[in-house]
């Protein structure tokens, strides 16, 4: 199954292939709490991950 998502800033979009995701985890940071974000508990291999962004928009998020 292919999923499409984006980061908090909405400038970086990405897609990934994964078996159907049937459960999620809630992040308790202030951004995720405000936006109701849910994280996949599964690891996504790099080969199944495709960024759709200009490389200048990518950075480390701490």
Foldseek 3Di string as FASTA:
>chain_A
DKDKDADLVRQKIKMFDDPDQDDWDQDDDPSCVVVVDTHGPDDGDPVGMGIDHDVVPDDDDD
